[in-house]
Amino acid sequence: MAENPATNLVCLYGYAHWQRAKIDTWRFLRDNLIFGVAIAVLSALVGYFTAPYWAEESKKAMSTVLWPLIFALSAFVLFGVVVFLFNLCAAPFRIYHDDQNEIAVLKKERLEIEQTKPRIKVKRTFVDYRPMMDRENRQVIAQLFFAHAMFINDPVHAVPNAIAKDIVTMITYYTKTGKEVASVIGRWGDSPQPTDPFDPTINLPPIELKIGQQRELNLAMKYPEDDSCYGFHNGNYFQPEWRDPSLRLSEEEYEVKVSLRGPWVDEIYVFLLKNLGKGKGLEIQGKRS
């Protein structure tokens, strides 16, 4: 026979109230033992002084001893029962009150974390026209359009925990239909350029964003004479004229998602990249993540 979830919930709810009433009763009797003993003593005195008036003549001697004890025990038990019933009725309100206090504490702790952790925001997006330099001769061999996003670490409070450390950056390119084209480790503009394909810096290590620091993330590049644009990362430096075939973006629009992950940081930023076509450049703008 299948169990009824509603019945189980009611039983669990009632059991919780019963347990809470037992705990509160025990605490009350423990903390107010002298009060319970005082009631028992008063009841014993009542039993002692009233027993001769209603006990049989032959049992008066025994009544003066037995009935005070019965009165005391009964009063103490009745006192405990009354306290338990009161606590049983009050249990739902106390449980609710405790839950609300716990929620308030958790909210306060979460707020403290939110106000003391890094807060990385997109300060602006922009496209510029930059030279491509020949490594050996240090001469300009071409001019390219580059799309960038400028990020800033702007925490609520300038405390040590607000420094963004060990941040891994991933850039993923999607078509308008949501198809993933490529995903690469993001290149920050101030990172050193790798010197050869075996240079350890080709796989960029996690970065750091100090409090108030701004860093530029490279998102895409385009030659004015090309129809297509290209995603950009350290691997581009070892492709002919920096054109990485695996990052070729031939459509007019792409959605670019930037993931920043590290201690106290787990954010995704979404951008719309537009290829304006042959003879023109790029457009980049932020979207809601």
Protein backbone atom coordinates (compact mmCIF):
# COMPACT_ATOMS: atom_id res chain seq x y z
CA MET A 1 0.00 0.00 0.00
CA ALA A 2 1.48 3.35 -1.06
CA GLU A 3 2.31 5.83 1.66
CA ASN A 4 0.44 9.10 1.78
CA PRO A 5 2.95 11.99 1.73
CA ALA A 6 0.44 14.31 3.41
CA THR A 7 -0.06 11.86 6.27
CA ASN A 8 3.68 11.45 6.69
CA LEU A 9 4.10 15.21 6.76
CA VAL A 10 1.42 15.62 9.44
CA CYS A 11 3.00 12.86 11.54
CA LEU A 12 6.42 14.43 11.19
CA TYR A 13 5.02 17.86 12.05
CA GLY A 14 3.24 16.48 15.14
CA TYR A 15 6.34 14.56 16.25
CA ALA A 16 8.43 17.71 15.99
CA HIS A 17 5.96 19.57 18.21
CA TRP A 18 5.88 16.70 20.71
CA GLN A 19 9.68 16.60 20.92
CA ARG A 20 9.89 20.36 21.28
CA ALA A 21 7.29 20.30 24.10
CA LYS A 22 9.26 17.58 25.94
CA ILE A 23 12.50 19.52 25.65
CA ASP A 24 10.92 22.79 26.79
CA THR A 25 9.16 21.04 29.71
CA TRP A 26 12.36 19.40 30.87
CA ARG A 27 14.22 22.70 30.67
CA PHE A 28 11.50 24.52 32.59
CA LEU A 29 11.34 21.92 35.36
CA ARG A 30 15.14 21.84 35.56
CA ASP A 31 15.47 25.61 35.72
CA ASN A 32 12.48 26.04 38.05
CA LEU A 33 12.90 22.98 40.27
CA ILE A 34 12.62 25.04 43.43
CA PHE A 35 9.22 26.30 42.23
CA GLY A 36 7.98 22.72 41.72
CA VAL A 37 9.34 21.64 45.11
CA ALA A 38 7.61 24.60 46.75
CA ILE A 39 4.27 23.53 45.23
CA ALA A 40 4.83 19.97 46.44
CA VAL A 41 5.67 21.16 49.97
CA LEU A 42 2.60 23.40 50.11
CA SER A 43 0.43 20.55 48.86
CA ALA A 44 1.94 18.26 51.51
CA LEU A 45 1.11 20.81 54.22
CA VAL A 46 -2.46 21.07 52.93
CA GLY A 47 -2.75 17.28 53.03
CA TYR A 48 -1.28 17.13 56.54
CA PHE A 49 -3.58 19.74 58.07
CA THR A 50 -6.77 18.69 56.27
CA ALA A 51 -6.45 14.91 56.65
CA PRO A 52 -7.80 14.76 60.26
CA TYR A 53 -11.06 16.41 59.21
CA TRP A 54 -12.12 13.88 56.60
CA ALA A 55 -10.11 10.68 57.33
CA GLU A 56 -11.68 7.87 59.34
CA GLU A 57 -10.79 7.79 62.99
CA SER A 58 -8.87 4.56 62.67
CA LYS A 59 -6.81 5.87 59.79
CA LYS A 60 -6.01 9.36 61.01
CA ALA A 61 -2.51 8.45 62.10
CA MET A 62 -1.69 6.94 58.71
CA SER A 63 -3.43 9.80 56.86
CA THR A 64 -1.22 12.40 58.44
CA VAL A 65 1.76 10.70 56.81
CA LEU A 66 0.38 9.16 53.61
CA TRP A 67 -1.90 11.90 52.37
CA PRO A 68 0.69 14.67 52.50
CA LEU A 69 2.90 12.48 50.32
CA ILE A 70 0.06 11.80 47.90
CA PHE A 71 -0.83 15.48 47.80
CA ALA A 72 2.79 16.46 47.15
CA LEU A 73 3.31 13.85 44.42
CA SER A 74 0.01 14.64 42.74
CA ALA A 75 0.66 18.35 42.77
CA PHE A 76 4.15 17.90 41.32
CA VAL A 77 2.85 15.60 38.56
CA LEU A 78 -0.05 17.93 37.81
CA PHE A 79 2.37 20.83 37.67
CA GLY A 80 4.50 18.92 35.15
CA VAL A 81 1.46 17.99 33.05
CA VAL A 82 0.22 21.58 32.95
CA VAL A 83 3.68 22.80 31.91
CA PHE A 84 3.90 20.12 29.21
CA LEU A 85 0.45 20.93 27.79
CA PHE A 86 1.32 24.61 27.74
CA ASN A 87 4.58 23.89 25.93
CA LEU A 88 2.79 21.59 23.50
CA CYS A 89 0.40 24.39 22.57
CA ALA A 90 3.26 26.87 22.34
CA ALA A 91 5.54 24.55 20.33
CA PRO A 92 4.36 25.68 16.84
CA PHE A 93 4.98 29.32 17.70
CA ARG A 94 8.38 28.61 19.26
CA ILE A 95 9.46 26.47 16.32
CA TYR A 96 8.39 29.21 13.92
CA HIS A 97 10.19 31.83 16.02
CA ASP A 98 13.38 29.76 16.12
CA ASP A 99 13.21 29.18 12.36
CA GLN A 100 12.82 32.89 11.73
CA ASN A 101 15.76 33.66 14.01
CA GLU A 102 17.89 31.08 12.20
CA ILE A 103 16.87 32.51 8.83
CA ALA A 104 17.74 36.02 10.06
CA VAL A 105 21.19 34.83 11.20
CA LEU A 106 21.83 33.10 7.87
CA LYS A 107 20.72 36.20 5.97
CA LYS A 108 23.05 38.34 8.07
CA GLU A 109 25.97 35.96 7.45
CA ARG A 110 25.21 35.88 3.73
CA LEU A 111 25.03 39.67 3.62
CA GLU A 112 28.41 39.91 5.36
CA ILE A 113 29.88 37.52 2.79
CA GLU A 114 28.32 39.44 -0.10
CA GLN A 115 29.70 42.72 1.22
CA THR A 116 33.23 41.40 1.77
CA LYS A 117 33.77 39.29 -1.35
CA PRO A 118 35.01 40.44 -4.77
CA ARG A 119 32.45 42.10 -7.00
CA ILE A 120 33.59 42.00 -10.61
CA LYS A 121 31.58 44.13 -13.02
CA VAL A 122 31.77 45.06 -16.67
CA LYS A 123 32.86 48.68 -16.73
CA ARG A 124 32.51 49.08 -20.49
CA THR A 125 32.80 47.36 -23.86
CA PHE A 126 34.64 48.86 -26.78
CA VAL A 127 36.23 48.22 -30.17
CA ASP A 128 39.56 49.75 -31.17
CA TYR A 129 41.90 49.63 -34.14
CA ARG A 130 45.29 48.18 -33.23
CA PRO A 131 48.51 47.35 -35.05
CA MET A 132 49.83 43.83 -35.49
CA MET A 133 53.56 43.86 -34.87
CA ASP A 134 56.18 41.61 -36.38
CA ARG A 135 57.98 39.96 -33.47
CA GLU A 136 61.40 39.97 -35.04
CA ASN A 137 61.50 43.37 -36.68
CA ARG A 138 59.04 45.08 -34.34
CA GLN A 139 57.33 46.67 -37.31
CA VAL A 140 53.64 47.16 -37.97
CA ILE A 141 52.52 44.68 -40.60
CA ALA A 142 48.74 45.12 -40.35
CA GLN A 143 45.94 46.96 -38.61
CA LEU A 144 43.11 45.05 -36.94
CA PHE A 145 39.84 45.72 -35.17
CA PHE A 146 39.69 44.29 -31.65
CA ALA A 147 36.60 43.87 -29.47
CA HIS A 148 37.16 44.10 -25.73
CA ALA A 149 35.36 44.09 -22.40
CA MET A 150 36.80 46.09 -19.53
CA PHE A 151 36.23 44.52 -16.09
CA ILE A 152 36.65 46.13 -12.69
CA ASN A 153 36.70 44.66 -9.20
CA ASP A 154 34.42 47.03 -7.28
CA PRO A 155 33.58 45.39 -3.92
CA VAL A 156 31.21 46.91 -1.37
CA HIS A 157 33.97 47.10 1.23
CA ALA A 158 37.71 47.31 0.62
CA VAL A 159 38.78 44.37 2.79
CA PRO A 160 41.44 41.71 2.10
CA ASN A 161 38.85 39.08 1.17
CA ALA A 162 37.59 41.36 -1.61
CA ILE A 163 40.70 40.75 -3.73
CA ALA A 164 39.76 38.39 -6.58
CA LYS A 165 42.40 35.68 -6.72
CA ASP A 166 42.97 32.61 -8.90
CA ILE A 167 40.28 33.58 -11.39
CA VAL A 168 39.94 31.23 -14.35
CA THR A 169 38.55 32.91 -17.47
CA MET A 170 36.70 31.01 -20.18
CA ILE A 171 35.22 32.54 -23.34
CA THR A 172 32.57 30.63 -25.30
CA TYR A 173 31.14 31.68 -28.67
CA TYR A 174 27.58 30.80 -29.75
CA THR A 175 25.64 31.35 -32.96
CA LYS A 176 22.24 33.05 -32.90
CA THR A 177 20.64 29.60 -32.77
CA GLY A 178 22.56 28.76 -29.60
CA LYS A 179 25.09 26.40 -31.19
CA GLU A 180 28.49 26.47 -29.51
CA VAL A 181 31.27 27.35 -31.94
CA ALA A 182 34.33 27.31 -29.69
CA SER A 183 35.47 27.71 -26.09
CA VAL A 184 38.91 29.04 -25.11
CA ILE A 185 40.83 30.30 -22.11
CA GLY A 186 40.40 34.05 -22.10
CA ARG A 187 43.29 36.37 -22.82
CA TRP A 188 43.65 39.54 -20.76
CA GLY A 189 45.24 42.42 -22.62
CA ASP A 190 48.00 43.02 -20.07
CA SER A 191 49.09 39.37 -20.03
CA PRO A 192 52.50 38.57 -21.55
CA GLN A 193 52.46 37.29 -25.10
CA PRO A 194 53.74 33.72 -25.50
CA THR A 195 57.00 33.42 -27.43
CA ASP A 196 56.49 29.93 -28.87
CA PRO A 197 53.81 27.21 -28.87
CA PHE A 198 55.54 25.48 -25.97
CA ASP A 199 55.67 28.61 -23.82
CA PRO A 200 53.87 27.86 -20.52
CA THR A 201 52.03 31.18 -20.79
CA ILE A 202 50.10 29.96 -23.84
CA ASN A 203 47.66 28.38 -21.38
CA LEU A 204 47.08 31.48 -19.33
CA PRO A 205 47.28 30.91 -15.57
CA PRO A 206 44.50 32.18 -13.28
CA ILE A 207 44.52 35.93 -12.86
CA GLU A 208 44.08 38.35 -9.99
CA LEU A 209 41.94 41.47 -9.80
CA LYS A 210 42.90 43.78 -6.98
CA ILE A 211 40.40 46.13 -5.37
CA GLY A 212 39.52 48.85 -7.85
CA GLN A 213 41.72 47.33 -10.56
CA GLN A 214 40.55 47.34 -14.18
CA ARG A 215 41.60 44.73 -16.72
CA GLU A 216 40.81 44.44 -20.41
CA LEU A 217 39.66 41.09 -21.80
CA ASN A 218 40.19 40.46 -25.53
CA LEU A 219 37.11 38.93 -27.15
CA ALA A 220 37.50 39.03 -30.96
CA MET A 221 39.60 40.41 -33.82
CA LYS A 222 38.91 41.28 -37.46
CA TYR A 223 40.87 42.42 -40.49
CA PRO A 224 39.01 45.21 -42.32
CA GLU A 225 39.28 43.37 -45.64
CA ASP A 226 37.87 40.09 -44.24
CA ASP A 227 34.27 38.94 -44.27
CA SER A 228 34.77 36.95 -41.06
CA CYS A 229 36.09 37.81 -37.65
CA TYR A 230 37.91 35.54 -35.21
CA GLY A 231 37.81 34.73 -31.55
CA PHE A 232 41.02 35.63 -29.78
CA HIS A 233 43.27 33.86 -27.28
CA ASN A 234 46.97 33.12 -26.85
CA GLY A 235 46.87 30.46 -29.53
CA ASN A 236 46.22 33.10 -32.19
CA TYR A 237 49.84 34.26 -31.98
CA PHE A 238 50.97 31.01 -33.61
CA GLN A 239 48.49 31.10 -36.49
CA PRO A 240 49.18 32.83 -39.84
CA GLU A 241 48.37 36.52 -39.34
CA TRP A 242 46.74 35.55 -36.03
CA ARG A 243 43.76 33.94 -37.81
CA ASP A 244 42.88 30.79 -35.87
CA PRO A 245 40.68 28.60 -38.14
CA SER A 246 39.03 26.96 -35.12
CA LEU A 247 37.84 30.41 -33.99
CA ARG A 248 36.58 31.68 -37.33
CA LEU A 249 33.26 33.52 -36.88
CA SER A 250 31.60 33.90 -40.27
CA GLU A 251 28.08 34.92 -39.26
CA GLU A 252 26.85 38.44 -38.57
CA GLU A 253 26.07 37.99 -34.88
CA TYR A 254 27.41 35.86 -32.07
CA GLU A 255 26.68 35.57 -28.40
CA VAL A 256 29.85 35.59 -26.33
CA LYS A 257 29.76 34.22 -22.79
CA VAL A 258 32.58 35.01 -20.40
CA SER A 259 32.89 32.82 -17.30
CA LEU A 260 34.94 34.01 -14.33
CA ARG A 261 35.39 31.42 -11.60
CA GLY A 262 37.52 31.45 -8.47
CA PRO A 263 37.26 31.77 -4.68
CA TRP A 264 34.04 33.72 -3.96
CA VAL A 265 33.63 34.40 -7.67
CA ASP A 266 31.35 32.47 -10.01
CA GLU A 267 29.95 34.80 -12.64
CA ILE A 268 28.87 34.66 -16.27
CA TYR A 269 28.78 37.76 -18.46
CA VAL A 270 27.04 37.75 -21.84
CA PHE A 271 27.94 39.96 -24.79
CA LEU A 272 26.57 40.44 -28.29
CA LEU A 273 29.28 40.51 -30.95
CA LYS A 274 28.39 41.93 -34.36
CA ASN A 275 30.49 41.54 -37.50
CA LEU A 276 29.77 44.61 -39.63
CA GLY A 277 31.10 42.95 -42.79
CA LYS A 278 33.86 43.44 -45.28
CA GLY A 279 35.53 46.83 -45.12
CA LYS A 280 34.08 47.47 -41.67
CA GLY A 281 34.83 46.56 -38.10
CA LEU A 282 33.09 45.05 -35.09
CA GLU A 283 30.50 46.00 -32.49
CA ILE A 284 30.37 44.60 -28.98
CA GLN A 285 27.78 45.28 -26.29
CA GLY A 286 26.79 43.72 -23.01
CA LYS A 287 23.65 41.67 -22.45
CA ARG A 288 21.91 40.52 -19.30
CA SER A 289 23.53 37.34 -18.01
